[in-house]
Amino acid sequence: NDTSIVLQWKTPSFTLLLMGDAGAAEEEMLLALADDLRTDVLKVGHHGAAGSTSAPFLAATAPKDAIISCGVNNIYGHPSPATVQRLEEAGVHRYQTSVAGAIELRGTSEGYQLIQGENAPWN
């Protein structure tokens, strides 16, 4: 997890930050080294574990939307309620695979569109 690949993808209409399984230490390193971490869409690190997506990291990335990839009733309890709370407090709209199923990101001429599975309670 500590050596996960982190990818920032910038298009003319939106930016996506994929955090892999990165946790707090990797976030701190990115905050120290990166010039600009702002993003439109954040794929939350480490399936939303408590040690990911810190308040300082959220402030630096300022995502509008976040995607959490985790299984239904997983043995780790992902995502952590603390991580979900930090996202909510930052005003970030959350998409979660354990609730919505597949989540698709489509680039559009105006930005992007996130499409979630039919089972999402917020559809």
PDB file of N, CA and C in Angstrom:
ATOM      1  N   ASN A   1       0.814  -1.199   0.000  1.00  0.00           N
ATOM      2  CA  ASN A   1       0.000   0.000   0.000  1.00  0.00           C
ATOM      3  C   ASN A   1       0.856   1.261   0.000  1.00  0.00           C
ATOM      4  N   ASP A   2       1.973   1.223   0.717  1.00  0.00           N
ATOM      5  CA  ASP A   2       2.817   2.411   0.819  1.00  0.00           C
ATOM      6  C   ASP A   2       3.498   2.772  -0.496  1.00  0.00           C
ATOM      7  N   THR A   3       3.500   1.869  -1.449  1.00  0.00           N
ATOM      8  CA  THR A   3       4.131   2.149  -2.739  1.00  0.00           C
ATOM      9  C   THR A   3       3.113   2.150  -3.878  1.00  0.00           C
ATOM     10  N   SER A   4       1.862   2.419  -3.551  1.00  0.00           N
ATOM     11  CA  SER A   4       0.821   2.490  -4.575  1.00  0.00           C
ATOM     12  C   SER A   4       1.132   3.578  -5.589  1.00  0.00           C
ATOM     13  N   ILE A   5       0.711   3.344  -6.789  1.00  0.00           N
ATOM     14  CA  ILE A   5       0.825   4.356  -7.827  1.00  0.00           C
ATOM     15  C   ILE A   5      -0.296   5.372  -7.629  1.00  0.00           C
ATOM     16  N   VAL A   6       0.075   6.642  -7.657  1.00  0.00           N
ATOM     17  CA  VAL A   6      -0.884   7.738  -7.597  1.00  0.00           C
ATOM     18  C   VAL A   6      -0.822   8.422  -8.952  1.00  0.00           C
ATOM     19  N   LEU A   7      -1.988   8.696  -9.525  1.00  0.00           N
ATOM     20  CA  LEU A   7      -2.045   9.266 -10.863  1.00  0.00           C
ATOM     21  C   LEU A   7      -2.973  10.476 -10.870  1.00  0.00           C
ATOM     22  N   GLN A   8      -2.461  11.594 -11.353  1.00  0.00           N
ATOM     23  CA  GLN A   8      -3.305  12.768 -11.570  1.00  0.00           C
ATOM     24  C   GLN A   8      -3.464  12.916 -13.077  1.00  0.00           C
ATOM     25  N   TRP A   9      -4.707  12.905 -13.507  1.00  0.00           N
ATOM     26  CA  TRP A   9      -5.015  12.979 -14.930  1.00  0.00           C
ATOM     27  C   TRP A   9      -5.742  14.283 -15.192  1.00  0.00           C
ATOM     28  N   LYS A  10      -5.143  15.132 -16.012  1.00  0.00           N
ATOM     29  CA  LYS A  10      -5.736  16.426 -16.331  1.00  0.00           C
ATOM     30  C   LYS A  10      -6.200  16.424 -17.778  1.00  0.00           C
ATOM     31  N   THR A  11      -7.447  16.802 -17.973  1.00  0.00           N
ATOM     32  CA  THR A  11      -8.002  16.968 -19.306  1.00  0.00           C
ATOM     33  C   THR A  11      -8.386  18.440 -19.441  1.00  0.00           C
ATOM     34  N   PRO A  12      -8.738  18.884 -20.614  1.00  0.00           N
ATOM     35  CA  PRO A  12      -9.181  20.279 -20.750  1.00  0.00           C
ATOM     36  C   PRO A  12     -10.445  20.590 -19.933  1.00  0.00           C
ATOM     37  N   SER A  13     -11.242  19.547 -19.609  1.00  0.00           N
ATOM     38  CA  SER A  13     -12.512  19.813 -18.938  1.00  0.00           C
ATOM     39  C   SER A  13     -12.598  19.358 -17.483  1.00  0.00           C
ATOM     40  N   PHE A  14     -11.697  18.512 -17.027  1.00  0.00           N
ATOM     41  CA  PHE A  14     -11.717  18.090 -15.626  1.00  0.00           C
ATOM     42  C   PHE A  14     -10.394  17.444 -15.242  1.00  0.00           C
ATOM     43  N   THR A  15     -10.190  17.303 -13.918  1.00  0.00           N
ATOM     44  CA  THR A  15      -9.004  16.646 -13.376  1.00  0.00           C
ATOM     45  C   THR A  15      -9.443  15.501 -12.476  1.00  0.00           C
ATOM     46  N   LEU A  16      -8.728  14.393 -12.571  1.00  0.00           N
ATOM     47  CA  LEU A  16      -9.008  13.185 -11.785  1.00  0.00           C
ATOM     48  C   LEU A  16      -7.740  12.819 -11.031  1.00  0.00           C
ATOM     49  N   LEU A  17      -7.876  12.519  -9.736  1.00  0.00           N
ATOM     50  CA  LEU A  17      -6.750  12.080  -8.920  1.00  0.00           C
ATOM     51  C   LEU A  17      -7.049  10.686  -8.392  1.00  0.00           C
ATOM     52  N   LEU A  18      -6.252   9.714  -8.840  1.00  0.00           N
ATOM     53  CA  LEU A  18      -6.423   8.313  -8.440  1.00  0.00           C
ATOM     54  C   LEU A  18      -5.383   7.987  -7.376  1.00  0.00           C
ATOM     55  N   MET A  19      -5.841   7.688  -6.162  1.00  0.00           N
ATOM     56  CA  MET A  19      -4.936   7.504  -5.027  1.00  0.00           C
ATOM     57  C   MET A  19      -4.532   6.063  -4.759  1.00  0.00           C
ATOM     58  N   GLY A  20      -5.003   5.101  -5.529  1.00  0.00           N
ATOM     59  CA  GLY A  20      -4.619   3.714  -5.284  1.00  0.00           C
ATOM     60  C   GLY A  20      -4.904   3.315  -3.849  1.00  0.00           C
ATOM     61  N   ASP A  21      -3.955   2.645  -3.197  1.00  0.00           N
ATOM     62  CA  ASP A  21      -4.098   2.251  -1.799  1.00  0.00           C
ATOM     63  C   ASP A  21      -3.317   3.167  -0.863  1.00  0.00           C
ATOM     64  N   ALA A  22      -3.021   4.370  -1.330  1.00  0.00           N
ATOM     65  CA  ALA A  22      -2.238   5.317  -0.537  1.00  0.00           C
ATOM     66  C   ALA A  22      -2.970   5.700   0.739  1.00  0.00           C
ATOM     67  N   GLY A  23      -2.191   5.887   1.784  1.00  0.00           N
ATOM     68  CA  GLY A  23      -2.721   6.301   3.080  1.00  0.00           C
ATOM     69  C   GLY A  23      -2.114   7.609   3.526  1.00  0.00           C
ATOM     70  N   ALA A  24      -2.111   7.833   4.824  1.00  0.00           N
ATOM     71  CA  ALA A  24      -1.695   9.111   5.411  1.00  0.00           C
ATOM     72  C   ALA A  24      -0.261   9.500   5.045  1.00  0.00           C
ATOM     73  N   ALA A  25       0.672   8.560   5.113  1.00  0.00           N
ATOM     74  CA  ALA A  25       2.075   8.898   4.830  1.00  0.00           C
ATOM     75  C   ALA A  25       2.246   9.363   3.386  1.00  0.00           C
ATOM     76  N   GLU A  26       1.582   8.705   2.467  1.00  0.00           N
ATOM     77  CA  GLU A  26       1.680   9.081   1.058  1.00  0.00           C
ATOM     78  C   GLU A  26       1.008  10.431   0.821  1.00  0.00           C
ATOM     79  N   GLU A  27      -0.121  10.665   1.496  1.00  0.00           N
ATOM     80  CA  GLU A  27      -0.778  11.965   1.373  1.00  0.00           C
ATOM     81  C   GLU A  27       0.139  13.086   1.850  1.00  0.00           C
ATOM     82  N   GLU A  28       0.804  12.872   2.985  1.00  0.00           N
ATOM     83  CA  GLU A  28       1.729  13.883   3.513  1.00  0.00           C
ATOM     84  C   GLU A  28       2.868  14.139   2.539  1.00  0.00           C
ATOM     85  N   MET A  29       3.378  13.082   1.919  1.00  0.00           N
ATOM     86  CA  MET A  29       4.449  13.243   0.941  1.00  0.00           C
ATOM     87  C   MET A  29       3.962  14.049  -0.261  1.00  0.00           C
ATOM     88  N   LEU A  30       2.767  13.747  -0.753  1.00  0.00           N
ATOM     89  CA  LEU A  30       2.223  14.495  -1.883  1.00  0.00           C
ATOM     90  C   LEU A  30       2.014  15.959  -1.526  1.00  0.00           C
ATOM     91  N   LEU A  31       1.522  16.216  -0.323  1.00  0.00           N
ATOM     92  CA  LEU A  31       1.324  17.602   0.109  1.00  0.00           C
ATOM     93  C   LEU A  31       2.646  18.370   0.147  1.00  0.00           C
ATOM     94  N   ALA A  32       3.720  17.684   0.518  1.00  0.00           N
ATOM     95  CA  ALA A  32       5.034  18.327   0.597  1.00  0.00           C
ATOM     96  C   ALA A  32       5.675  18.530  -0.775  1.00  0.00           C
ATOM     97  N   LEU A  33       5.395  17.635  -1.719  1.00  0.00           N
ATOM     98  CA  LEU A  33       6.108  17.652  -3.002  1.00  0.00           C
ATOM     99  C   LEU A  33       5.334  18.231  -4.175  1.00  0.00           C
ATOM    100  N   ALA A  34       4.026  18.092  -4.176  1.00  0.00           N
ATOM    101  CA  ALA A  34       3.243  18.469  -5.359  1.00  0.00           C
ATOM    102  C   ALA A  34       2.944  19.960  -5.383  1.00  0.00           C
ATOM    103  N   ASP A  35       2.979  20.527  -6.566  1.00  0.00           N
ATOM    104  CA  ASP A  35       2.669  21.946  -6.737  1.00  0.00           C
ATOM    105  C   ASP A  35       1.170  22.212  -6.654  1.00  0.00           C
ATOM    106  N   ASP A  36       0.399  21.356  -7.305  1.00  0.00           N
ATOM    107  CA  ASP A  36      -1.042  21.592  -7.384  1.00  0.00           C
ATOM    108  C   ASP A  36      -1.764  20.246  -7.363  1.00  0.00           C
ATOM    109  N   LEU A  37      -2.478  19.989  -6.294  1.00  0.00           N
ATOM    110  CA  LEU A  37      -3.228  18.734  -6.156  1.00  0.00           C
ATOM    111  C   LEU A  37      -4.726  18.927  -6.377  1.00  0.00           C
ATOM    112  N   ARG A  38      -5.154  20.136  -6.718  1.00  0.00           N
ATOM    113  CA  ARG A  38      -6.597  20.353  -6.899  1.00  0.00           C
ATOM    114  C   ARG A  38      -7.146  19.406  -7.961  1.00  0.00           C
ATOM    115  N   THR A  39      -8.336  18.905  -7.673  1.00  0.00           N
ATOM    116  CA  THR A  39      -8.943  17.943  -8.569  1.00  0.00           C
ATOM    117  C   THR A  39     -10.453  18.082  -8.544  1.00  0.00           C
ATOM    118  N   ASP A  40     -11.087  17.672  -9.605  1.00  0.00           N
ATOM    119  CA  ASP A  40     -12.550  17.636  -9.640  1.00  0.00           C
ATOM    120  C   ASP A  40     -13.063  16.341  -9.022  1.00  0.00           C
ATOM    121  N   VAL A  41     -12.399  15.238  -9.382  1.00  0.00           N
ATOM    122  CA  VAL A  41     -12.822  13.921  -8.907  1.00  0.00           C
ATOM    123  C   VAL A  41     -11.642  13.265  -8.200  1.00  0.00           C
ATOM    124  N   LEU A  42     -11.887  12.795  -6.982  1.00  0.00           N
ATOM    125  CA  LEU A  42     -10.885  12.087  -6.189  1.00  0.00           C
ATOM    126  C   LEU A  42     -11.315  10.648  -6.027  1.00  0.00           C
ATOM    127  N   LYS A  43     -10.471   9.714  -6.490  1.00  0.00           N
ATOM    128  CA  LYS A  43     -10.685   8.312  -6.155  1.00  0.00           C
ATOM    129  C   LYS A  43      -9.979   8.141  -4.822  1.00  0.00           C
ATOM    130  N   VAL A  44     -10.759   7.968  -3.764  1.00  0.00           N
ATOM    131  CA  VAL A  44     -10.274   7.939  -2.391  1.00  0.00           C
ATOM    132  C   VAL A  44      -9.281   6.798  -2.204  1.00  0.00           C
ATOM    133  N   GLY A  45      -8.207   7.069  -1.470  1.00  0.00           N
ATOM    134  CA  GLY A  45      -7.169   6.077  -1.228  1.00  0.00           C
ATOM    135  C   GLY A  45      -7.594   4.994  -0.253  1.00  0.00           C
ATOM    136  N   HIS A  46      -6.997   3.840  -0.427  1.00  0.00           N
ATOM    137  CA  HIS A  46      -7.134   2.680   0.470  1.00  0.00           C
ATOM    138  C   HIS A  46      -8.582   2.355   0.828  1.00  0.00           C
ATOM    139  N   HIS A  47      -9.445   2.411  -0.170  1.00  0.00           N
ATOM    140  CA  HIS A  47     -10.854   2.006  -0.019  1.00  0.00           C
ATOM    141  C   HIS A  47     -11.592   2.808   1.045  1.00  0.00           C
ATOM    142  N   GLY A  48     -11.083   4.001   1.359  1.00  0.00           N
ATOM    143  CA  GLY A  48     -11.728   4.833   2.368  1.00  0.00           C
ATOM    144  C   GLY A  48     -11.355   4.473   3.790  1.00  0.00           C
ATOM    145  N   ALA A  49     -10.207   3.819   3.973  1.00  0.00           N
ATOM    146  CA  ALA A  49      -9.749   3.465   5.323  1.00  0.00           C
ATOM    147  C   ALA A  49      -9.569   4.725   6.154  1.00  0.00           C
ATOM    148  N   ALA A  50      -9.591   4.560   7.469  1.00  0.00           N
ATOM    149  CA  ALA A  50      -9.483   5.694   8.394  1.00  0.00           C
ATOM    150  C   ALA A  50      -8.207   6.507   8.171  1.00  0.00           C
ATOM    151  N   GLY A  51      -7.144   5.870   7.710  1.00  0.00           N
ATOM    152  CA  GLY A  51      -5.874   6.551   7.502  1.00  0.00           C
ATOM    153  C   GLY A  51      -5.736   7.211   6.151  1.00  0.00           C
ATOM    154  N   SER A  52      -6.818   7.318   5.417  1.00  0.00           N
ATOM    155  CA  SER A  52      -6.756   7.980   4.112  1.00  0.00           C
ATOM    156  C   SER A  52      -7.654   9.211   4.117  1.00  0.00           C
ATOM    157  N   THR A  53      -7.413  10.081   3.143  1.00  0.00           N
ATOM    158  CA  THR A  53      -8.285  11.223   2.906  1.00  0.00           C
ATOM    159  C   THR A  53      -8.376  12.128   4.135  1.00  0.00           C
ATOM    160  N   SER A  54      -7.216  12.566   4.610  1.00  0.00           N
ATOM    161  CA  SER A  54      -7.143  13.448   5.775  1.00  0.00           C
ATOM    162  C   SER A  54      -7.752  14.810   5.454  1.00  0.00           C
ATOM    163  N   ALA A  55      -8.095  15.552   6.485  1.00  0.00           N
ATOM    164  CA  ALA A  55      -8.643  16.900   6.298  1.00  0.00           C
ATOM    165  C   ALA A  55      -7.667  17.809   5.543  1.00  0.00           C
ATOM    166  N   PRO A  56      -6.350  17.814   5.879  1.00  0.00           N
ATOM    167  CA  PRO A  56      -5.431  18.648   5.098  1.00  0.00           C
ATOM    168  C   PRO A  56      -5.355  18.219   3.629  1.00  0.00           C
ATOM    169  N   PHE A  57      -5.435  16.925   3.378  1.00  0.00           N
ATOM    170  CA  PHE A  57      -5.391  16.434   2.003  1.00  0.00           C
ATOM    171  C   PHE A  57      -6.645  16.874   1.251  1.00  0.00           C
ATOM    172  N   LEU A  58      -7.796  16.785   1.899  1.00  0.00           N
ATOM    173  CA  LEU A  58      -9.031  17.240   1.261  1.00  0.00           C
ATOM    174  C   LEU A  58      -8.989  18.737   0.977  1.00  0.00           C
ATOM    175  N   ALA A  59      -8.417  19.494   1.896  1.00  0.00           N
ATOM    176  CA  ALA A  59      -8.307  20.944   1.681  1.00  0.00           C
ATOM    177  C   ALA A  59      -7.422  21.253   0.475  1.00  0.00           C
ATOM    178  N   ALA A  60      -6.351  20.506   0.312  1.00  0.00           N
ATOM    179  CA  ALA A  60      -5.423  20.738  -0.803  1.00  0.00           C
ATOM    180  C   ALA A  60      -5.980  20.263  -2.139  1.00  0.00           C
ATOM    181  N   THR A  61      -6.751  19.183  -2.125  1.00  0.00           N
ATOM    182  CA  THR A  61      -7.280  18.634  -3.372  1.00  0.00           C
ATOM    183  C   THR A  61      -8.598  19.281  -3.768  1.00  0.00           C
ATOM    184  N   ALA A  62      -9.405  19.682  -2.787  1.00  0.00           N
ATOM    185  CA  ALA A  62     -10.678  20.376  -3.011  1.00  0.00           C
ATOM    186  C   ALA A  62     -11.561  19.689  -4.054  1.00  0.00           C
ATOM    187  N   PRO A  63     -11.788  18.367  -3.922  1.00  0.00           N
ATOM    188  CA  PRO A  63     -12.606  17.697  -4.925  1.00  0.00           C
ATOM    189  C   PRO A  63     -14.083  18.070  -4.819  1.00  0.00           C
ATOM    190  N   LYS A  64     -14.765  18.020  -5.950  1.00  0.00           N
ATOM    191  CA  LYS A  64     -16.216  18.178  -5.956  1.00  0.00           C
ATOM    192  C   LYS A  64     -16.870  16.830  -5.672  1.00  0.00           C
ATOM    193  N   ASP A  65     -16.264  15.779  -6.230  1.00  0.00           N
ATOM    194  CA  ASP A  65     -16.809  14.436  -6.118  1.00  0.00           C
ATOM    195  C   ASP A  65     -15.713  13.468  -5.690  1.00  0.00           C
ATOM    196  N   ALA A  66     -16.114  12.428  -4.962  1.00  0.00           N
ATOM    197  CA  ALA A  66     -15.173  11.390  -4.537  1.00  0.00           C
ATOM    198  C   ALA A  66     -15.773  10.029  -4.827  1.00  0.00           C
ATOM    199  N   ILE A  67     -14.916   9.125  -5.258  1.00  0.00           N
ATOM    200  CA  ILE A  67     -15.319   7.742  -5.504  1.00  0.00           C
ATOM    201  C   ILE A  67     -14.580   6.867  -4.504  1.00  0.00           C
ATOM    202  N   ILE A  68     -15.354   6.026  -3.808  1.00  0.00           N
ATOM    203  CA  ILE A  68     -14.765   5.052  -2.883  1.00  0.00           C
ATOM    204  C   ILE A  68     -15.045   3.675  -3.447  1.00  0.00           C
ATOM    205  N   SER A  69     -13.986   2.932  -3.721  1.00  0.00           N
ATOM    206  CA  SER A  69     -14.104   1.576  -4.226  1.00  0.00           C
ATOM    207  C   SER A  69     -13.941   0.605  -3.061  1.00  0.00           C
ATOM    208  N   CYS A  70     -15.031  -0.094  -2.717  1.00  0.00           N
ATOM    209  CA  CYS A  70     -14.983  -1.071  -1.630  1.00  0.00           C
ATOM    210  C   CYS A  70     -16.112  -2.076  -1.817  1.00  0.00           C
ATOM    211  N   GLY A  71     -15.907  -3.259  -1.268  1.00  0.00           N
ATOM    212  CA  GLY A  71     -16.896  -4.319  -1.397  1.00  0.00           C
ATOM    213  C   GLY A  71     -17.991  -4.208  -0.348  1.00  0.00           C
ATOM    214  N   VAL A  72     -19.116  -4.795  -0.655  1.00  0.00           N
ATOM    215  CA  VAL A  72     -20.243  -4.840   0.268  1.00  0.00           C
ATOM    216  C   VAL A  72     -19.860  -5.680   1.483  1.00  0.00           C
ATOM    217  N   ASN A  73     -20.126  -5.167   2.677  1.00  0.00           N
ATOM    218  CA  ASN A  73     -19.866  -5.890   3.932  1.00  0.00           C
ATOM    219  C   ASN A  73     -18.455  -6.463   4.002  1.00  0.00           C
ATOM    220  N   ASN A  74     -17.467  -5.692   3.547  1.00  0.00           N
ATOM    221  CA  ASN A  74     -16.085  -6.180   3.555  1.00  0.00           C
ATOM    222  C   ASN A  74     -15.580  -6.319   4.991  1.00  0.00           C
ATOM    223  N   ILE A  75     -14.645  -7.213   5.189  1.00  0.00           N
ATOM    224  CA  ILE A  75     -14.169  -7.539   6.541  1.00  0.00           C
ATOM    225  C   ILE A  75     -13.388  -6.397   7.185  1.00  0.00           C
ATOM    226  N   TYR A  76     -12.981  -5.409   6.410  1.00  0.00           N
ATOM    227  CA  TYR A  76     -12.202  -4.299   6.942  1.00  0.00           C
ATOM    228  C   TYR A  76     -13.086  -3.138   7.409  1.00  0.00           C
ATOM    229  N   GLY A  77     -14.350  -3.193   7.090  1.00  0.00           N
ATOM    230  CA  GLY A  77     -15.250  -2.104   7.458  1.00  0.00           C
ATOM    231  C   GLY A  77     -15.073  -0.848   6.624  1.00  0.00           C
ATOM    232  N   HIS A  78     -14.509  -0.999   5.439  1.00  0.00           N
ATOM    233  CA  HIS A  78     -14.319   0.153   4.553  1.00  0.00           C
ATOM    234  C   HIS A  78     -15.632   0.547   3.896  1.00  0.00           C
ATOM    235  N   PRO A  79     -15.883   1.812   3.730  1.00  0.00           N
ATOM    236  CA  PRO A  79     -15.045   2.920   4.157  1.00  0.00           C
ATOM    237  C   PRO A  79     -15.241   3.215   5.639  1.00  0.00           C
ATOM    238  N   SER A  80     -14.249   3.816   6.216  1.00  0.00           N
ATOM    239  CA  SER A  80     -14.312   4.207   7.618  1.00  0.00           C
ATOM    240  C   SER A  80     -15.338   5.326   7.801  1.00  0.00           C
ATOM    241  N   PRO A  81     -16.147   5.257   8.859  1.00  0.00           N
ATOM    242  CA  PRO A  81     -17.071   6.369   9.131  1.00  0.00           C
ATOM    243  C   PRO A  81     -16.341   7.709   9.264  1.00  0.00           C
ATOM    244  N   ALA A  82     -15.121   7.698   9.767  1.00  0.00           N
ATOM    245  CA  ALA A  82     -14.351   8.939   9.907  1.00  0.00           C
ATOM    246  C   ALA A  82     -14.021   9.535   8.538  1.00  0.00           C
ATOM    247  N   THR A  83     -13.677   8.687   7.582  1.00  0.00           N
ATOM    248  CA  THR A  83     -13.381   9.167   6.232  1.00  0.00           C
ATOM    249  C   THR A  83     -14.632   9.723   5.581  1.00  0.00           C
ATOM    250  N   VAL A  84     -15.737   9.011   5.716  1.00  0.00           N
ATOM    251  CA  VAL A  84     -17.016   9.481   5.165  1.00  0.00           C
ATOM    252  C   VAL A  84     -17.377  10.835   5.790  1.00  0.00           C
ATOM    253  N   GLN A  85     -17.188  10.972   7.084  1.00  0.00           N
ATOM    254  CA  GLN A  85     -17.499  12.225   7.761  1.00  0.00           C
ATOM    255  C   GLN A  85     -16.626  13.369   7.239  1.00  0.00           C
ATOM    256  N   ARG A  86     -15.334  13.107   7.028  1.00  0.00           N
ATOM    257  CA  ARG A  86     -14.450  14.153   6.498  1.00  0.00           C
ATOM    258  C   ARG A  86     -14.912  14.600   5.112  1.00  0.00           C
ATOM    259  N   LEU A  87     -15.318  13.656   4.279  1.00  0.00           N
ATOM    260  CA  LEU A  87     -15.825  14.000   2.953  1.00  0.00           C
ATOM    261  C   LEU A  87     -17.092  14.850   3.064  1.00  0.00           C
ATOM    262  N   GLU A  88     -18.000  14.445   3.944  1.00  0.00           N
ATOM    263  CA  GLU A  88     -19.237  15.196   4.127  1.00  0.00           C
ATOM    264  C   GLU A  88     -18.964  16.602   4.636  1.00  0.00           C
ATOM    265  N   GLU A  89     -18.075  16.721   5.625  1.00  0.00           N
ATOM    266  CA  GLU A  89     -17.744  18.036   6.182  1.00  0.00           C
ATOM    267  C   GLU A  89     -17.099  18.950   5.154  1.00  0.00           C
ATOM    268  N   ALA A  90     -16.383  18.363   4.191  1.00  0.00           N
ATOM    269  CA  ALA A  90     -15.747  19.147   3.131  1.00  0.00           C
ATOM    270  C   ALA A  90     -16.714  19.450   1.981  1.00  0.00           C
ATOM    271  N   GLY A  91     -17.939  18.936   2.067  1.00  0.00           N
ATOM    272  CA  GLY A  91     -18.930  19.190   1.025  1.00  0.00           C
ATOM    273  C   GLY A  91     -18.687  18.415  -0.253  1.00  0.00           C
ATOM    274  N   VAL A  92     -18.012  17.276  -0.128  1.00  0.00           N
ATOM    275  CA  VAL A  92     -17.689  16.458  -1.293  1.00  0.00           C
ATOM    276  C   VAL A  92     -18.802  15.437  -1.514  1.00  0.00           C
ATOM    277  N   HIS A  93     -19.318  15.373  -2.739  1.00  0.00           N
ATOM    278  CA  HIS A  93     -20.348  14.387  -3.069  1.00  0.00           C
ATOM    279  C   HIS A  93     -19.684  13.019  -3.215  1.00  0.00           C
ATOM    280  N   ARG A  94     -20.227  12.017  -2.542  1.00  0.00           N
ATOM    281  CA  ARG A  94     -19.596  10.694  -2.465  1.00  0.00           C
ATOM    282  C   ARG A  94     -20.343   9.675  -3.320  1.00  0.00           C
ATOM    283  N   TYR A  95     -19.545   8.915  -4.071  1.00  0.00           N
ATOM    284  CA  TYR A  95     -20.023   7.761  -4.828  1.00  0.00           C
ATOM    285  C   TYR A  95     -19.290   6.555  -4.266  1.00  0.00           C
ATOM    286  N   GLN A  96     -20.008   5.471  -4.004  1.00  0.00           N
ATOM    287  CA  GLN A  96     -19.404   4.333  -3.319  1.00  0.00           C
ATOM    288  C   GLN A  96     -19.834   3.035  -3.999  1.00  0.00           C
ATOM    289  N   THR A  97     -18.867   2.232  -4.436  1.00  0.00           N
ATOM    290  CA  THR A  97     -19.198   1.017  -5.174  1.00  0.00           C
ATOM    291  C   THR A  97     -19.971   0.002  -4.341  1.00  0.00           C
ATOM    292  N   SER A  98     -19.741  -0.040  -3.029  1.00  0.00           N
ATOM    293  CA  SER A  98     -20.459  -1.010  -2.197  1.00  0.00           C
ATOM    294  C   SER A  98     -21.943  -0.686  -2.101  1.00  0.00           C
ATOM    295  N   VAL A  99     -22.309   0.529  -2.462  1.00  0.00           N
ATOM    296  CA  VAL A  99     -23.709   0.947  -2.440  1.00  0.00           C
ATOM    297  C   VAL A  99     -24.273   1.021  -3.853  1.00  0.00           C
ATOM    298  N   ALA A 100     -23.517   1.627  -4.750  1.00  0.00           N
ATOM    299  CA  ALA A 100     -24.019   1.940  -6.086  1.00  0.00           C
ATOM    300  C   ALA A 100     -23.657   0.903  -7.142  1.00  0.00           C
ATOM    301  N   GLY A 101     -22.740   0.003  -6.834  1.00  0.00           N
ATOM    302  CA  GLY A 101     -22.239  -0.882  -7.876  1.00  0.00           C
ATOM    303  C   GLY A 101     -21.210  -0.140  -8.712  1.00  0.00           C
ATOM    304  N   ALA A 102     -21.178  -0.462  -9.980  1.00  0.00           N
ATOM    305  CA  ALA A 102     -20.196   0.161 -10.874  1.00  0.00           C
ATOM    306  C   ALA A 102     -20.428   1.668 -10.954  1.00  0.00           C
ATOM    307  N   ILE A 103     -19.337   2.415 -11.025  1.00  0.00           N
ATOM    308  CA  ILE A 103     -19.396   3.860 -11.177  1.00  0.00           C
ATOM    309  C   ILE A 103     -18.573   4.216 -12.406  1.00  0.00           C
ATOM    310  N   GLU A 104     -19.189   4.927 -13.312  1.00  0.00           N
ATOM    311  CA  GLU A 104     -18.548   5.277 -14.575  1.00  0.00           C
ATOM    312  C   GLU A 104     -18.307   6.782 -14.629  1.00  0.00           C
ATOM    313  N   LEU A 105     -17.118   7.161 -15.035  1.00  0.00           N
ATOM    314  CA  LEU A 105     -16.763   8.564 -15.217  1.00  0.00           C
ATOM    315  C   LEU A 105     -16.670   8.822 -16.717  1.00  0.00           C
ATOM    316  N   ARG A 106     -17.461   9.776 -17.188  1.00  0.00           N
ATOM    317  CA  ARG A 106     -17.448  10.132 -18.610  1.00  0.00           C
ATOM    318  C   ARG A 106     -17.075  11.597 -18.758  1.00  0.00           C
ATOM    319  N   GLY A 107     -16.100  11.860 -19.604  1.00  0.00           N
ATOM    320  CA  GLY A 107     -15.775  13.228 -19.941  1.00  0.00           C
ATOM    321  C   GLY A 107     -16.815  13.787 -20.887  1.00  0.00           C
ATOM    322  N   THR A 108     -17.166  15.049 -20.683  1.00  0.00           N
ATOM    323  CA  THR A 108     -18.120  15.730 -21.554  1.00  0.00           C
ATOM    324  C   THR A 108     -17.495  17.042 -22.006  1.00  0.00           C
ATOM    325  N   SER A 109     -18.134  17.707 -22.932  1.00  0.00           N
ATOM    326  CA  SER A 109     -17.599  18.984 -23.402  1.00  0.00           C
ATOM    327  C   SER A 109     -17.653  20.047 -22.304  1.00  0.00           C
ATOM    328  N   GLU A 110     -18.542  19.879 -21.330  1.00  0.00           N
ATOM    329  CA  GLU A 110     -18.669  20.832 -20.229  1.00  0.00           C
ATOM    330  C   GLU A 110     -17.909  20.409 -18.986  1.00  0.00           C
ATOM    331  N   GLY A 111     -17.370  19.214 -18.949  1.00  0.00           N
ATOM    332  CA  GLY A 111     -16.676  18.724 -17.754  1.00  0.00           C
ATOM    333  C   GLY A 111     -16.683  17.212 -17.696  1.00  0.00           C
ATOM    334  N   TYR A 112     -17.523  16.679 -16.822  1.00  0.00           N
ATOM    335  CA  TYR A 112     -17.602  15.236 -16.665  1.00  0.00           C
ATOM    336  C   TYR A 112     -18.961  14.858 -16.098  1.00  0.00           C
ATOM    337  N   GLN A 113     -19.249  13.579 -16.190  1.00  0.00           N
ATOM    338  CA  GLN A 113     -20.479  13.029 -15.642  1.00  0.00           C
ATOM    339  C   GLN A 113     -20.121  11.740 -14.917  1.00  0.00           C
ATOM    340  N   LEU A 114     -20.627  11.570 -13.714  1.00  0.00           N
ATOM    341  CA  LEU A 114     -20.467  10.327 -12.967  1.00  0.00           C
ATOM    342  C   LEU A 114     -21.785   9.581 -13.022  1.00  0.00           C
ATOM    343  N   ILE A 115     -21.718   8.336 -13.447  1.00  0.00           N
ATOM    344  CA  ILE A 115     -22.910   7.506 -13.575  1.00  0.00           C
ATOM    345  C   ILE A 115     -22.753   6.320 -12.652  1.00  0.00           C
ATOM    346  N   GLN A 116     -23.735   6.114 -11.789  1.00  0.00           N
ATOM    347  CA  GLN A 116     -23.657   5.032 -10.813  1.00  0.00           C
ATOM    348  C   GLN A 116     -24.703   3.967 -11.122  1.00  0.00           C
ATOM    349  N   GLY A 117     -24.490   2.798 -10.550  1.00  0.00           N
ATOM    350  CA  GLY A 117     -25.408   1.686 -10.759  1.00  0.00           C
ATOM    351  C   GLY A 117     -26.819   2.002 -10.302  1.00  0.00           C
ATOM    352  N   GLU A 118     -27.758   1.208 -10.748  1.00  0.00           N
ATOM    353  CA  GLU A 118     -29.166   1.445 -10.486  1.00  0.00           C
ATOM    354  C   GLU A 118     -29.555   1.298  -9.015  1.00  0.00           C
ATOM    355  N   ASN A 119     -28.760   0.600  -8.206  1.00  0.00           N
ATOM    356  CA  ASN A 119     -29.119   0.330  -6.821  1.00  0.00           C
ATOM    357  C   ASN A 119     -28.769   1.459  -5.859  1.00  0.00           C
ATOM    358  N   ALA A 120     -28.178   2.519  -6.347  1.00  0.00           N
ATOM    359  CA  ALA A 120     -27.759   3.607  -5.472  1.00  0.00           C
ATOM    360  C   ALA A 120     -28.989   4.279  -4.845  1.00  0.00           C
ATOM    361  N   PRO A 121     -28.984   4.465  -3.526  1.00  0.00           N
ATOM    362  CA  PRO A 121     -30.147   5.074  -2.879  1.00  0.00           C
ATOM    363  C   PRO A 121     -30.343   6.532  -3.217  1.00  0.00           C
ATOM    364  N   TRP A 122     -29.314   7.188  -3.781  1.00  0.00           N
ATOM    365  CA  TRP A 122     -29.436   8.608  -4.072  1.00  0.00           C
ATOM    366  C   TRP A 122     -29.790   8.872  -5.534  1.00  0.00           C
ATOM    367  N   ASN A 123     -30.129   7.818  -6.307  1.00  0.00           N
ATOM    368  CA  ASN A 123     -30.561   8.025  -7.701  1.00  0.00           C
ATOM    369  C   ASN A 123     -31.939   8.650  -7.735  1.00  0.00           C
TER     370      ASN A 123
END
